[in-house]
């Protein structure tokens, strides 16, 4: 789960090929895909710690697996950051971002020109949790400035 150290300054093509490649005992050239939903644990105590997020280790496929971990490590290397998070869809990524940044009483300022599901999530679903939203024209900078509030925590637009 921890990435191998590579020399700094590698070309993105090299990073895409070399980061997070950990062959199994079979020595394959390409990365194995892990399609399992569950993982064997060495004992009940370790399983309990892993399921409680007190110890690193794979427990259930929806919480993470080696294939997704490799993708996250490669994406982070290509983007030049320490970490990345892989999600099942763009909407789940947007929801995760909102849940991590927002709380009741916060305000989101958004473009009107977005995917319909994003508009519903930000305009309706988050409102149920006390998050306010305002939608403005994506190209009207004055409207963005005017709609800012002291409690604005997120400016969001899609391209």
C-alpha atoms as a PDB file:
ATOM      1  CA  UNK A   1       0.000   0.000   0.000  1.00  0.00           C
ATOM      2  CA  UNK A   2       2.956   2.346   0.300  1.00  0.00           C
ATOM      3  CA  UNK A   3       4.455   3.434  -3.028  1.00  0.00           C
ATOM      4  CA  UNK A   4       8.024   2.560  -3.960  1.00  0.00           C
ATOM      5  CA  UNK A   5      10.421   5.506  -4.163  1.00  0.00           C
ATOM      6  CA  UNK A   6      11.370   6.572  -7.684  1.00  0.00           C
ATOM      7  CA  UNK A   7      13.941   9.187  -8.639  1.00  0.00           C
ATOM      8  CA  UNK A   8      12.536  12.734  -8.935  1.00  0.00           C
ATOM      9  CA  UNK A   9      11.945  14.409 -12.294  1.00  0.00           C
ATOM     10  CA  UNK A  10      10.799  11.378 -14.270  1.00  0.00           C
ATOM     11  CA  UNK A  11       8.791  11.917 -17.462  1.00  0.00           C
ATOM     12  CA  UNK A  12       5.008  11.381 -17.084  1.00  0.00           C
ATOM     13  CA  UNK A  13       5.203   8.369 -19.427  1.00  0.00           C
ATOM     14  CA  UNK A  14       7.720   6.746 -17.091  1.00  0.00           C
ATOM     15  CA  UNK A  15       5.610   7.542 -14.043  1.00  0.00           C
ATOM     16  CA  UNK A  16       2.543   6.019 -15.673  1.00  0.00           C
ATOM     17  CA  UNK A  17       4.484   2.811 -16.306  1.00  0.00           C
ATOM     18  CA  UNK A  18       6.530   2.494 -13.111  1.00  0.00           C
ATOM     19  CA  UNK A  19       4.623   3.968 -10.168  1.00  0.00           C
ATOM     20  CA  UNK A  20       2.742   1.479  -7.990  1.00  0.00           C
ATOM     21  CA  UNK A  21       3.788  -1.585  -9.975  1.00  0.00           C
ATOM     22  CA  UNK A  22       4.263  -4.386  -7.497  1.00  0.00           C
ATOM     23  CA  UNK A  23       4.316  -7.766  -9.244  1.00  0.00           C
ATOM     24  CA  UNK A  24       2.968 -10.752  -7.389  1.00  0.00           C
ATOM     25  CA  UNK A  25       4.939 -13.883  -6.676  1.00  0.00           C
ATOM     26  CA  UNK A  26       4.226 -14.874 -10.312  1.00  0.00           C
ATOM     27  CA  UNK A  27       6.374 -12.062 -11.735  1.00  0.00           C
ATOM     28  CA  UNK A  28       3.867 -10.737 -14.267  1.00  0.00           C
ATOM     29  CA  UNK A  29       4.855  -7.810 -16.505  1.00  0.00           C
ATOM     30  CA  UNK A  30       1.503  -6.089 -16.286  1.00  0.00           C
ATOM     31  CA  UNK A  31      -0.412  -5.343 -13.171  1.00  0.00           C
ATOM     32  CA  UNK A  32      -2.904  -7.872 -11.864  1.00  0.00           C
ATOM     33  CA  UNK A  33      -6.535  -6.811 -11.452  1.00  0.00           C
ATOM     34  CA  UNK A  34      -8.026  -7.601  -8.061  1.00  0.00           C
ATOM     35  CA  UNK A  35     -11.709  -8.383  -8.503  1.00  0.00           C
ATOM     36  CA  UNK A  36     -12.439  -9.879  -5.095  1.00  0.00           C
ATOM     37  CA  UNK A  37     -14.803  -8.269  -2.616  1.00  0.00           C
ATOM     38  CA  UNK A  38     -13.315  -9.781   0.536  1.00  0.00           C
ATOM     39  CA  UNK A  39      -9.837 -10.431   1.899  1.00  0.00           C
ATOM     40  CA  UNK A  40      -8.524 -13.169   4.164  1.00  0.00           C
ATOM     41  CA  UNK A  41      -7.304 -11.742   7.455  1.00  0.00           C
ATOM     42  CA  UNK A  42      -4.474 -13.327   9.452  1.00  0.00           C
ATOM     43  CA  UNK A  43      -6.580 -13.449  12.643  1.00  0.00           C
ATOM     44  CA  UNK A  44      -9.673 -11.960  14.278  1.00  0.00           C
ATOM     45  CA  UNK A  45      -7.746  -9.255  16.143  1.00  0.00           C
ATOM     46  CA  UNK A  46      -6.107  -7.956  12.960  1.00  0.00           C
ATOM     47  CA  UNK A  47      -9.451  -8.047  11.164  1.00  0.00           C
ATOM     48  CA  UNK A  48     -11.058  -6.021  13.950  1.00  0.00           C
ATOM     49  CA  UNK A  49      -8.284  -3.401  13.833  1.00  0.00           C
ATOM     50  CA  UNK A  50      -8.473  -3.149  10.040  1.00  0.00           C
ATOM     51  CA  UNK A  51     -12.255  -2.811   9.984  1.00  0.00           C
ATOM     52  CA  UNK A  52     -11.948  -0.105  12.672  1.00  0.00           C
ATOM     53  CA  UNK A  53      -9.355   1.725  10.493  1.00  0.00           C
ATOM     54  CA  UNK A  54      -6.761   1.324  13.248  1.00  0.00           C
ATOM     55  CA  UNK A  55      -4.425  -0.675  11.002  1.00  0.00           C
ATOM     56  CA  UNK A  56      -3.739  -0.601   7.272  1.00  0.00           C
ATOM     57  CA  UNK A  57      -4.947  -3.549   5.271  1.00  0.00           C
ATOM     58  CA  UNK A  58      -7.619  -4.477   2.784  1.00  0.00           C
ATOM     59  CA  UNK A  59     -10.914  -5.614   4.268  1.00  0.00           C
ATOM     60  CA  UNK A  60     -13.685  -5.179   1.726  1.00  0.00           C
ATOM     61  CA  UNK A  61     -13.523  -4.328  -1.969  1.00  0.00           C
ATOM     62  CA  UNK A  62     -15.713  -1.244  -1.718  1.00  0.00           C
ATOM     63  CA  UNK A  63     -13.371   0.279   0.879  1.00  0.00           C
ATOM     64  CA  UNK A  64     -10.321  -0.234  -1.309  1.00  0.00           C
ATOM     65  CA  UNK A  65      -8.307  -2.825  -3.155  1.00  0.00           C
ATOM     66  CA  UNK A  66      -4.831  -3.120  -4.670  1.00  0.00           C
ATOM     67  CA  UNK A  67      -6.078  -2.167  -8.150  1.00  0.00           C
ATOM     68  CA  UNK A  68      -7.614   1.103  -6.935  1.00  0.00           C
ATOM     69  CA  UNK A  69      -4.614   1.818  -4.681  1.00  0.00           C
ATOM     70  CA  UNK A  70      -2.305   1.486  -7.680  1.00  0.00           C
ATOM     71  CA  UNK A  71      -4.508   3.841  -9.714  1.00  0.00           C
ATOM     72  CA  UNK A  72      -4.490   6.391  -6.874  1.00  0.00           C
ATOM     73  CA  UNK A  73      -0.698   6.234  -6.524  1.00  0.00           C
ATOM     74  CA  UNK A  74      -0.192   6.658 -10.273  1.00  0.00           C
ATOM     75  CA  UNK A  75      -2.618   9.558 -10.481  1.00  0.00           C
ATOM     76  CA  UNK A  76      -0.903  11.286  -7.558  1.00  0.00           C
ATOM     77  CA  UNK A  77       2.505  10.817  -9.214  1.00  0.00           C
ATOM     78  CA  UNK A  78       1.261  12.169 -12.545  1.00  0.00           C
ATOM     79  CA  UNK A  79      -0.353  15.170 -10.835  1.00  0.00           C
ATOM     80  CA  UNK A  80       2.704  15.803  -8.658  1.00  0.00           C
ATOM     81  CA  UNK A  81       0.853  15.478  -5.362  1.00  0.00           C
ATOM     82  CA  UNK A  82       1.157  13.254  -2.304  1.00  0.00           C
ATOM     83  CA  UNK A  83      -2.135  11.405  -2.668  1.00  0.00           C
ATOM     84  CA  UNK A  84      -5.208  10.939  -4.836  1.00  0.00           C
ATOM     85  CA  UNK A  85      -8.581   9.311  -4.256  1.00  0.00           C
ATOM     86  CA  UNK A  86     -10.288   7.044  -6.769  1.00  0.00           C
ATOM     87  CA  UNK A  87     -14.087   6.941  -6.739  1.00  0.00           C
ATOM     88  CA  UNK A  88     -16.662   4.911  -8.623  1.00  0.00           C
ATOM     89  CA  UNK A  89     -18.075   7.922 -10.489  1.00  0.00           C
ATOM     90  CA  UNK A  90     -17.736  11.645 -10.993  1.00  0.00           C
ATOM     91  CA  UNK A  91     -20.830  12.278  -8.881  1.00  0.00           C
ATOM     92  CA  UNK A  92     -19.386  10.297  -5.990  1.00  0.00           C
ATOM     93  CA  UNK A  93     -16.192  12.370  -6.272  1.00  0.00           C
ATOM     94  CA  UNK A  94     -18.207  15.611  -6.161  1.00  0.00           C
ATOM     95  CA  UNK A  95     -20.276  14.383  -3.203  1.00  0.00           C
ATOM     96  CA  UNK A  96     -17.135  13.319  -1.326  1.00  0.00           C
ATOM     97  CA  UNK A  97     -15.570  16.738  -1.923  1.00  0.00           C
ATOM     98  CA  UNK A  98     -18.710  18.501  -0.671  1.00  0.00           C
ATOM     99  CA  UNK A  99     -18.942  16.280   2.408  1.00  0.00           C
ATOM    100  CA  UNK A 100     -15.310  16.955   3.223  1.00  0.00           C
ATOM    101  CA  UNK A 101     -15.495  20.735   2.804  1.00  0.00           C
ATOM    102  CA  UNK A 102     -19.009  21.762   3.816  1.00  0.00           C
ATOM    103  CA  UNK A 103     -21.192  21.802   6.900  1.00  0.00           C
ATOM    104  CA  UNK A 104     -24.554  23.265   7.886  1.00  0.00           C
ATOM    105  CA  UNK A 105     -24.546  27.038   7.469  1.00  0.00           C
ATOM    106  CA  UNK A 106     -22.001  27.068   4.645  1.00  0.00           C
ATOM    107  CA  UNK A 107     -22.662  28.547   1.204  1.00  0.00           C
ATOM    108  CA  UNK A 108     -21.705  27.183  -2.214  1.00  0.00           C
ATOM    109  CA  UNK A 109     -21.443  29.440  -5.251  1.00  0.00           C
ATOM    110  CA  UNK A 110     -21.889  27.553  -8.517  1.00  0.00           C
ATOM    111  CA  UNK A 111     -22.211  27.917 -12.219  1.00  0.00           C
ATOM    112  CA  UNK A 112     -25.664  27.385 -13.727  1.00  0.00           C
ATOM    113  CA  UNK A 113     -24.005  25.511 -16.607  1.00  0.00           C
ATOM    114  CA  UNK A 114     -23.456  22.160 -14.944  1.00  0.00           C
ATOM    115  CA  UNK A 115     -24.530  18.547 -15.250  1.00  0.00           C
ATOM    116  CA  UNK A 116     -28.127  18.198 -14.047  1.00  0.00           C
ATOM    117  CA  UNK A 117     -27.229  15.760 -11.283  1.00  0.00           C
ATOM    118  CA  UNK A 118     -24.618  18.191  -9.943  1.00  0.00           C
ATOM    119  CA  UNK A 119     -27.210  20.980  -9.859  1.00  0.00           C
ATOM    120  CA  UNK A 120     -29.603  18.705  -7.953  1.00  0.00           C
ATOM    121  CA  UNK A 121     -26.906  17.606  -5.508  1.00  0.00           C
ATOM    122  CA  UNK A 122     -25.746  21.126  -4.695  1.00  0.00           C
ATOM    123  CA  UNK A 123     -29.083  22.934  -5.030  1.00  0.00           C
ATOM    124  CA  UNK A 124     -31.424  20.407  -3.395  1.00  0.00           C
ATOM    125  CA  UNK A 125     -29.695  17.514  -1.673  1.00  0.00           C
ATOM    126  CA  UNK A 126     -27.130  19.577   0.250  1.00  0.00           C
ATOM    127  CA  UNK A 127     -29.876  22.039   1.242  1.00  0.00           C
ATOM    128  CA  UNK A 128     -31.404  19.240   3.346  1.00  0.00           C
ATOM    129  CA  UNK A 129     -28.231  19.400   5.443  1.00  0.00           C
ATOM    130  CA  UNK A 130     -28.284  23.180   5.836  1.00  0.00           C
ATOM    131  CA  UNK A 131     -25.910  24.069   2.991  1.00  0.00           C
ATOM    132  CA  UNK A 132     -27.037  27.104   0.984  1.00  0.00           C
ATOM    133  CA  UNK A 133     -26.296  27.552  -2.709  1.00  0.00           C
ATOM    134  CA  UNK A 134     -26.405  30.265  -5.336  1.00  0.00           C
ATOM    135  CA  UNK A 135     -26.148  29.649  -9.076  1.00  0.00           C
ATOM    136  CA  UNK A 136     -24.735  32.256 -11.469  1.00  0.00           C
ATOM    137  CA  UNK A 137     -23.712  32.475 -15.108  1.00  0.00           C
ATOM    138  CA  UNK A 138     -20.383  30.738 -15.558  1.00  0.00           C
ATOM    139  CA  UNK A 139     -18.997  33.578 -17.686  1.00  0.00           C
ATOM    140  CA  UNK A 140     -20.235  36.550 -15.622  1.00  0.00           C
ATOM    141  CA  UNK A 141     -17.378  37.403 -13.244  1.00  0.00           C
ATOM    142  CA  UNK A 142     -19.329  40.300 -11.732  1.00  0.00           C
ATOM    143  CA  UNK A 143     -22.155  37.913 -10.794  1.00  0.00           C
ATOM    144  CA  UNK A 144     -19.636  35.624  -9.056  1.00  0.00           C
ATOM    145  CA  UNK A 145     -18.222  38.546  -7.065  1.00  0.00           C
ATOM    146  CA  UNK A 146     -21.677  39.844  -6.105  1.00  0.00           C
ATOM    147  CA  UNK A 147     -22.887  36.421  -4.966  1.00  0.00           C
ATOM    148  CA  UNK A 148     -19.968  35.829  -2.589  1.00  0.00           C
ATOM    149  CA  UNK A 149     -20.963  35.746   1.078  1.00  0.00           C
ATOM    150  CA  UNK A 150     -18.941  35.598   4.287  1.00  0.00           C
ATOM    151  CA  UNK A 151     -19.987  31.933   4.654  1.00  0.00           C
ATOM    152  CA  UNK A 152     -19.083  30.943   1.059  1.00  0.00           C
ATOM    153  CA  UNK A 153     -16.810  27.911   1.354  1.00  0.00           C
ATOM    154  CA  UNK A 154     -16.816  26.578  -2.193  1.00  0.00           C
ATOM    155  CA  UNK A 155     -16.836  28.014  -5.710  1.00  0.00           C
ATOM    156  CA  UNK A 156     -17.758  25.283  -8.168  1.00  0.00           C
ATOM    157  CA  UNK A 157     -17.917  25.163 -11.964  1.00  0.00           C
ATOM    158  CA  UNK A 158     -17.718  22.356 -14.498  1.00  0.00           C
ATOM    159  CA  UNK A 159     -16.223  22.574 -17.963  1.00  0.00           C
END
